[in-house]
Amino acid sequence: MNTTLTLNPITDVRELLTYPFMVNALEAGTIVAVLAAVVGWYMVLRRQSFAGHTLSVMAFPGAAGAALAGLPTALGYYLACGGAALLMRGARAAPGRRGGYGTESATIATVQTVGLAAG
C-alpha cells in the first residue's frame, strides 16, 4: 500500500487505523498512559517522586552493564532497579532513631549519583 497524507485529518486517521500494528500501538499506549497517571498520582501523594525518578535512571547503568557482560539488557535493568530499590528502602529510620525526609532524600540522591557514575 502506498499512503500519502492529505489535508483531511479524519481520512488520514482512518487510513492509519487500517494497519493492525497501529491499532495495537495505540491500545498499548493508552493502557500505559492510564497506568502511569495513576501510579504518578500515588507517588506524588506519598512524596516519593524523587525515588521514582531514581529508579527510572537506574535503567541506564543496569542495561549498560548487562550489555557489557553479554547478558540480556532487560535482566540488567531489572537487577539494577531492584538493587536500587533495596538500597533506598534502607533509608528509613530504624525504630527509636531519628530520621526524616532529609535522610531519605540524601540516600536516594546517593543511589542515583552512584548509578549514573556506574553507567
N, C-alpha and C. Protein backbone atom coordinates (compact mmCIF):
# COMPACT_ATOMS: atom_id res chain seq x y z
N MET A 1 0.83 -1.19 0.00
CA MET A 1 0.00 0.00 0.00
C MET A 1 0.88 1.25 0.00
N ASN A 2 0.55 2.15 -0.82
CA ASN A 2 1.25 3.42 -0.86
C ASN A 2 0.32 4.47 -0.25
N THR A 3 0.74 5.02 0.88
CA THR A 3 -0.10 6.00 1.56
C THR A 3 0.51 7.38 1.43
N THR A 4 -0.35 8.33 1.28
CA THR A 4 0.08 9.72 1.24
C THR A 4 -0.80 10.52 2.17
N LEU A 5 -0.24 11.55 2.74
CA LEU A 5 -1.00 12.42 3.63
C LEU A 5 -1.86 13.37 2.81
N THR A 6 -3.04 13.64 3.36
CA THR A 6 -3.94 14.59 2.71
C THR A 6 -4.18 15.75 3.66
N LEU A 7 -4.99 16.69 3.24
CA LEU A 7 -5.33 17.80 4.11
C LEU A 7 -6.50 17.47 5.03
N ASN A 8 -7.07 16.28 4.90
CA ASN A 8 -8.18 15.86 5.73
C ASN A 8 -7.67 14.91 6.82
N PRO A 9 -7.57 15.38 8.08
CA PRO A 9 -7.01 14.52 9.12
C PRO A 9 -7.90 13.33 9.46
N ILE A 10 -9.19 13.43 9.26
CA ILE A 10 -10.07 12.31 9.56
C ILE A 10 -9.80 11.15 8.60
N THR A 11 -9.62 11.44 7.35
CA THR A 11 -9.29 10.41 6.37
C THR A 11 -7.92 9.80 6.68
N ASP A 12 -6.99 10.62 7.07
CA ASP A 12 -5.65 10.11 7.38
C ASP A 12 -5.68 9.17 8.59
N VAL A 13 -6.46 9.53 9.61
CA VAL A 13 -6.54 8.67 10.80
C VAL A 13 -7.25 7.36 10.45
N ARG A 14 -8.31 7.42 9.67
CA ARG A 14 -8.99 6.18 9.25
C ARG A 14 -8.03 5.27 8.49
N GLU A 15 -7.25 5.84 7.62
CA GLU A 15 -6.29 5.04 6.85
C GLU A 15 -5.22 4.47 7.77
N LEU A 16 -4.80 5.25 8.74
CA LEU A 16 -3.79 4.80 9.69
C LEU A 16 -4.30 3.63 10.52
N LEU A 17 -5.58 3.64 10.87
CA LEU A 17 -6.15 2.59 11.70
C LEU A 17 -6.45 1.31 10.92
N THR A 18 -6.19 1.29 9.64
CA THR A 18 -6.34 0.05 8.88
C THR A 18 -5.17 -0.90 9.12
N TYR A 19 -4.08 -0.39 9.66
CA TYR A 19 -2.91 -1.21 9.95
C TYR A 19 -3.04 -1.79 11.36
N PRO A 20 -2.97 -3.12 11.51
CA PRO A 20 -3.12 -3.73 12.84
C PRO A 20 -2.04 -3.29 13.83
N PHE A 21 -0.82 -3.08 13.36
CA PHE A 21 0.24 -2.67 14.30
C PHE A 21 -0.03 -1.29 14.88
N MET A 22 -0.69 -0.43 14.12
CA MET A 22 -1.02 0.91 14.65
C MET A 22 -2.12 0.82 15.70
N VAL A 23 -3.10 -0.04 15.46
CA VAL A 23 -4.16 -0.24 16.45
C VAL A 23 -3.56 -0.80 17.74
N ASN A 24 -2.67 -1.79 17.62
CA ASN A 24 -2.00 -2.35 18.81
C ASN A 24 -1.18 -1.30 19.53
N ALA A 25 -0.46 -0.47 18.79
CA ALA A 25 0.36 0.57 19.41
C ALA A 25 -0.49 1.59 20.15
N LEU A 26 -1.60 1.97 19.56
CA LEU A 26 -2.49 2.93 20.23
C LEU A 26 -3.14 2.34 21.47
N GLU A 27 -3.52 1.07 21.41
CA GLU A 27 -4.09 0.41 22.59
C GLU A 27 -3.05 0.32 23.72
N ALA A 28 -1.85 -0.12 23.39
CA ALA A 28 -0.79 -0.24 24.39
C ALA A 28 -0.43 1.13 24.96
N GLY A 29 -0.34 2.14 24.12
CA GLY A 29 -0.02 3.48 24.60
C GLY A 29 -1.09 4.03 25.52
N THR A 30 -2.34 3.74 25.24
CA THR A 30 -3.43 4.19 26.11
C THR A 30 -3.36 3.52 27.48
N ILE A 31 -3.11 2.22 27.49
CA ILE A 31 -3.00 1.49 28.76
C ILE A 31 -1.84 2.02 29.59
N VAL A 32 -0.69 2.23 28.95
CA VAL A 32 0.48 2.75 29.67
C VAL A 32 0.21 4.16 30.20
N ALA A 33 -0.46 4.99 29.42
CA ALA A 33 -0.74 6.36 29.86
C ALA A 33 -1.66 6.38 31.08
N VAL A 34 -2.67 5.54 31.09
CA VAL A 34 -3.59 5.49 32.23
C VAL A 34 -2.87 4.97 33.47
N LEU A 35 -2.11 3.89 33.32
CA LEU A 35 -1.39 3.35 34.48
C LEU A 35 -0.34 4.31 35.01
N ALA A 36 0.36 4.99 34.11
CA ALA A 36 1.38 5.96 34.55
C ALA A 36 0.73 7.12 35.30
N ALA A 37 -0.44 7.55 34.86
CA ALA A 37 -1.12 8.63 35.57
C ALA A 37 -1.53 8.21 36.97
N VAL A 38 -2.03 7.00 37.12
CA VAL A 38 -2.46 6.53 38.44
C VAL A 38 -1.25 6.35 39.36
N VAL A 39 -0.21 5.71 38.86
CA VAL A 39 0.98 5.48 39.68
C VAL A 39 1.66 6.80 40.01
N GLY A 40 1.74 7.71 39.05
CA GLY A 40 2.35 9.01 39.30
C GLY A 40 1.60 9.81 40.34
N TRP A 41 0.28 9.77 40.28
CA TRP A 41 -0.53 10.48 41.28
C TRP A 41 -0.27 9.92 42.67
N TYR A 42 -0.22 8.59 42.77
CA TYR A 42 0.03 7.94 44.05
C TYR A 42 1.42 8.29 44.58
N MET A 43 2.42 8.33 43.71
CA MET A 43 3.78 8.66 44.14
C MET A 43 3.88 10.10 44.63
N VAL A 44 3.19 11.01 43.97
CA VAL A 44 3.22 12.41 44.41
C VAL A 44 2.54 12.55 45.77
N LEU A 45 1.44 11.83 45.98
CA LEU A 45 0.77 11.89 47.27
C LEU A 45 1.66 11.37 48.39
N ARG A 46 2.44 10.36 48.10
CA ARG A 46 3.34 9.79 49.12
C ARG A 46 4.69 10.51 49.20
N ARG A 47 4.85 11.54 48.39
CA ARG A 47 6.09 12.32 48.34
C ARG A 47 7.29 11.43 47.98
N GLN A 48 7.10 10.59 46.96
CA GLN A 48 8.13 9.66 46.54
C GLN A 48 8.53 9.85 45.08
N SER A 49 8.28 11.03 44.53
CA SER A 49 8.60 11.23 43.11
C SER A 49 10.11 11.19 42.85
N PHE A 50 10.92 11.62 43.80
CA PHE A 50 12.36 11.56 43.64
C PHE A 50 12.83 10.10 43.59
N ALA A 51 12.24 9.25 44.41
CA ALA A 51 12.59 7.83 44.41
C ALA A 51 12.18 7.19 43.09
N GLY A 52 11.02 7.55 42.56
CA GLY A 52 10.59 7.02 41.28
C GLY A 52 11.50 7.44 40.14
N HIS A 53 11.94 8.68 40.19
CA HIS A 53 12.87 9.16 39.17
C HIS A 53 14.19 8.41 39.26
N THR A 54 14.66 8.17 40.47
CA THR A 54 15.92 7.45 40.64
C THR A 54 15.82 6.04 40.10
N LEU A 55 14.68 5.38 40.33
CA LEU A 55 14.53 4.02 39.79
C LEU A 55 14.53 4.02 38.27
N SER A 56 13.93 5.03 37.66
CA SER A 56 13.95 5.07 36.20
C SER A 56 15.35 5.37 35.67
N VAL A 57 16.13 6.13 36.41
CA VAL A 57 17.50 6.45 35.99
C VAL A 57 18.39 5.20 36.08
N MET A 58 18.06 4.29 36.97
CA MET A 58 18.89 3.10 37.15
C MET A 58 18.83 2.15 35.96
N ALA A 59 17.92 2.39 35.04
CA ALA A 59 17.85 1.55 33.84
C ALA A 59 19.13 1.68 33.02
N PHE A 60 19.69 2.86 32.98
CA PHE A 60 20.89 3.10 32.16
C PHE A 60 22.08 2.26 32.62
N PRO A 61 22.52 2.35 33.88
CA PRO A 61 23.68 1.53 34.26
C PRO A 61 23.37 0.04 34.24
N GLY A 62 22.13 -0.34 34.54
CA GLY A 62 21.79 -1.76 34.51
C GLY A 62 21.87 -2.34 33.12
N ALA A 63 21.28 -1.65 32.17
CA ALA A 63 21.32 -2.13 30.78
C ALA A 63 22.73 -2.07 30.22
N ALA A 64 23.47 -1.02 30.54
CA ALA A 64 24.84 -0.91 30.04
C ALA A 64 25.73 -2.02 30.60
N GLY A 65 25.59 -2.29 31.89
CA GLY A 65 26.39 -3.35 32.50
C GLY A 65 26.05 -4.72 31.93
N ALA A 66 24.76 -4.96 31.72
CA ALA A 66 24.36 -6.25 31.15
C ALA A 66 24.87 -6.40 29.72
N ALA A 67 24.82 -5.34 28.95
CA ALA A 67 25.30 -5.40 27.57
C ALA A 67 26.81 -5.68 27.54
N LEU A 68 27.54 -5.05 28.46
CA LEU A 68 28.99 -5.29 28.50
C LEU A 68 29.30 -6.72 28.93
N ALA A 69 28.44 -7.29 29.78
CA ALA A 69 28.67 -8.66 30.25
C ALA A 69 28.12 -9.70 29.28
N GLY A 70 27.45 -9.25 28.23
CA GLY A 70 26.88 -10.19 27.26
C GLY A 70 25.57 -10.79 27.70
N LEU A 71 24.90 -10.17 28.66
CA LEU A 71 23.61 -10.65 29.16
C LEU A 71 22.49 -9.84 28.54
N PRO A 72 21.26 -10.31 28.64
CA PRO A 72 20.13 -9.51 28.14
C PRO A 72 20.02 -8.19 28.89
N THR A 73 19.78 -7.13 28.15
CA THR A 73 19.71 -5.81 28.79
C THR A 73 18.53 -5.71 29.75
N ALA A 74 17.45 -6.42 29.47
CA ALA A 74 16.29 -6.39 30.38
C ALA A 74 16.66 -6.97 31.75
N LEU A 75 17.49 -7.99 31.77
CA LEU A 75 17.93 -8.57 33.03
C LEU A 75 18.73 -7.55 33.84
N GLY A 76 19.64 -6.86 33.18
CA GLY A 76 20.41 -5.82 33.86
C GLY A 76 19.53 -4.70 34.38
N TYR A 77 18.53 -4.33 33.59
CA TYR A 77 17.59 -3.30 34.01
C TYR A 77 16.88 -3.71 35.29
N TYR A 78 16.32 -4.91 35.31
CA TYR A 78 15.57 -5.35 36.49
C TYR A 78 16.47 -5.53 37.71
N LEU A 79 17.66 -6.05 37.51
CA LEU A 79 18.57 -6.22 38.65
C LEU A 79 19.01 -4.87 39.22
N ALA A 80 19.31 -3.91 38.36
CA ALA A 80 19.74 -2.60 38.83
C ALA A 80 18.60 -1.88 39.55
N CYS A 81 17.41 -1.94 38.99
CA CYS A 81 16.26 -1.27 39.63
C CYS A 81 15.91 -1.95 40.96
N GLY A 82 15.98 -3.27 40.99
CA GLY A 82 15.70 -3.98 42.24
C GLY A 82 16.74 -3.68 43.31
N GLY A 83 18.01 -3.65 42.91
CA GLY A 83 19.07 -3.31 43.86
C GLY A 83 18.95 -1.89 44.38
N ALA A 84 18.62 -0.97 43.50
CA ALA A 84 18.44 0.42 43.93
C ALA A 84 17.26 0.55 44.88
N ALA A 85 16.18 -0.17 44.59
CA ALA A 85 15.02 -0.12 45.48
C ALA A 85 15.37 -0.66 46.86
N LEU A 86 16.16 -1.72 46.92
CA LEU A 86 16.57 -2.26 48.22
C LEU A 86 17.47 -1.27 48.97
N LEU A 87 18.37 -0.62 48.26
CA LEU A 87 19.23 0.37 48.91
C LEU A 87 18.42 1.57 49.42
N MET A 88 17.46 2.01 48.63
CA MET A 88 16.64 3.15 49.06
C MET A 88 15.71 2.76 50.20
N ARG A 89 15.32 1.50 50.27
CA ARG A 89 14.47 1.04 51.36
C ARG A 89 15.19 1.19 52.69
N GLY A 90 16.50 1.05 52.69
CA GLY A 90 17.28 1.20 53.91
C GLY A 90 17.36 2.63 54.40
N ALA A 91 16.81 3.58 53.66
CA ALA A 91 16.88 4.98 54.05
C ALA A 91 15.94 5.33 55.19
N ARG A 92 14.96 4.49 55.44
CA ARG A 92 14.03 4.77 56.53
C ARG A 92 14.74 4.63 57.86
N ALA A 93 14.34 5.44 58.79
CA ALA A 93 14.97 5.41 60.11
C ALA A 93 14.53 4.16 60.87
N ALA A 94 15.46 3.60 61.61
CA ALA A 94 15.14 2.45 62.45
C ALA A 94 14.25 2.90 63.60
N PRO A 95 13.46 2.00 64.18
CA PRO A 95 12.61 2.39 65.31
C PRO A 95 13.44 2.95 66.45
N GLY A 96 13.00 4.07 66.97
CA GLY A 96 13.71 4.71 68.08
C GLY A 96 14.80 5.66 67.63
N ARG A 97 15.11 5.70 66.34
CA ARG A 97 16.12 6.61 65.82
C ARG A 97 15.46 7.72 65.06
N ARG A 98 16.13 8.81 65.04
CA ARG A 98 15.60 9.97 64.34
C ARG A 98 15.97 9.92 62.86
N GLY A 99 15.02 10.21 62.02
CA GLY A 99 15.24 10.25 60.59
C GLY A 99 14.16 11.11 59.97
N GLY A 100 14.22 11.31 58.73
CA GLY A 100 13.18 12.12 58.11
C GLY A 100 13.43 12.24 56.62
N TYR A 101 12.77 13.23 56.05
CA TYR A 101 12.88 13.42 54.60
C TYR A 101 14.30 13.77 54.19
N GLY A 102 15.04 14.47 55.04
CA GLY A 102 16.41 14.83 54.69
C GLY A 102 17.30 13.61 54.55
N THR A 103 17.18 12.69 55.49
CA THR A 103 17.97 11.46 55.43
C THR A 103 17.56 10.61 54.23
N GLU A 104 16.25 10.51 54.02
CA GLU A 104 15.75 9.71 52.91
C GLU A 104 16.18 10.30 51.57
N SER A 105 16.08 11.62 51.43
CA SER A 105 16.47 12.27 50.17
C SER A 105 17.96 12.14 49.92
N ALA A 106 18.76 12.23 50.98
CA ALA A 106 20.21 12.10 50.81
C ALA A 106 20.58 10.69 50.34
N THR A 107 19.91 9.69 50.90
CA THR A 107 20.19 8.31 50.49
C THR A 107 19.77 8.08 49.04
N ILE A 108 18.60 8.59 48.67
CA ILE A 108 18.12 8.42 47.30
C ILE A 108 19.06 9.14 46.33
N ALA A 109 19.51 10.33 46.69
CA ALA A 109 20.44 11.08 45.82
C ALA A 109 21.76 10.34 45.68
N THR A 110 22.22 9.72 46.74
CA THR A 110 23.48 8.96 46.68
C THR A 110 23.33 7.76 45.75
N VAL A 111 22.21 7.05 45.87
CA VAL A 111 21.96 5.90 44.98
C VAL A 111 21.92 6.37 43.53
N GLN A 112 21.25 7.48 43.28
CA GLN A 112 21.14 7.98 41.91
C GLN A 112 22.52 8.39 41.37
N THR A 113 23.30 9.06 42.15
CA THR A 113 24.61 9.52 41.71
C THR A 113 25.54 8.34 41.42
N VAL A 114 25.55 7.36 42.31
CA VAL A 114 26.39 6.17 42.09
C VAL A 114 25.94 5.42 40.85
N GLY A 115 24.64 5.32 40.66
CA GLY A 115 24.11 4.63 39.48
C GLY A 115 24.50 5.32 38.19
N LEU A 116 24.39 6.63 38.15
CA LEU A 116 24.78 7.36 36.95
C LEU A 116 26.29 7.27 36.70
N ALA A 117 27.06 7.32 37.78
CA ALA A 117 28.51 7.20 37.62
C ALA A 117 28.90 5.80 37.13
N ALA A 118 28.18 4.78 37.59
CA ALA A 118 28.47 3.42 37.15
C ALA A 118 28.11 3.21 35.68
N GLY A 119 27.09 3.95 35.21
CA GLY A 119 26.67 3.83 33.80
C GLY A 119 27.71 4.41 32.90
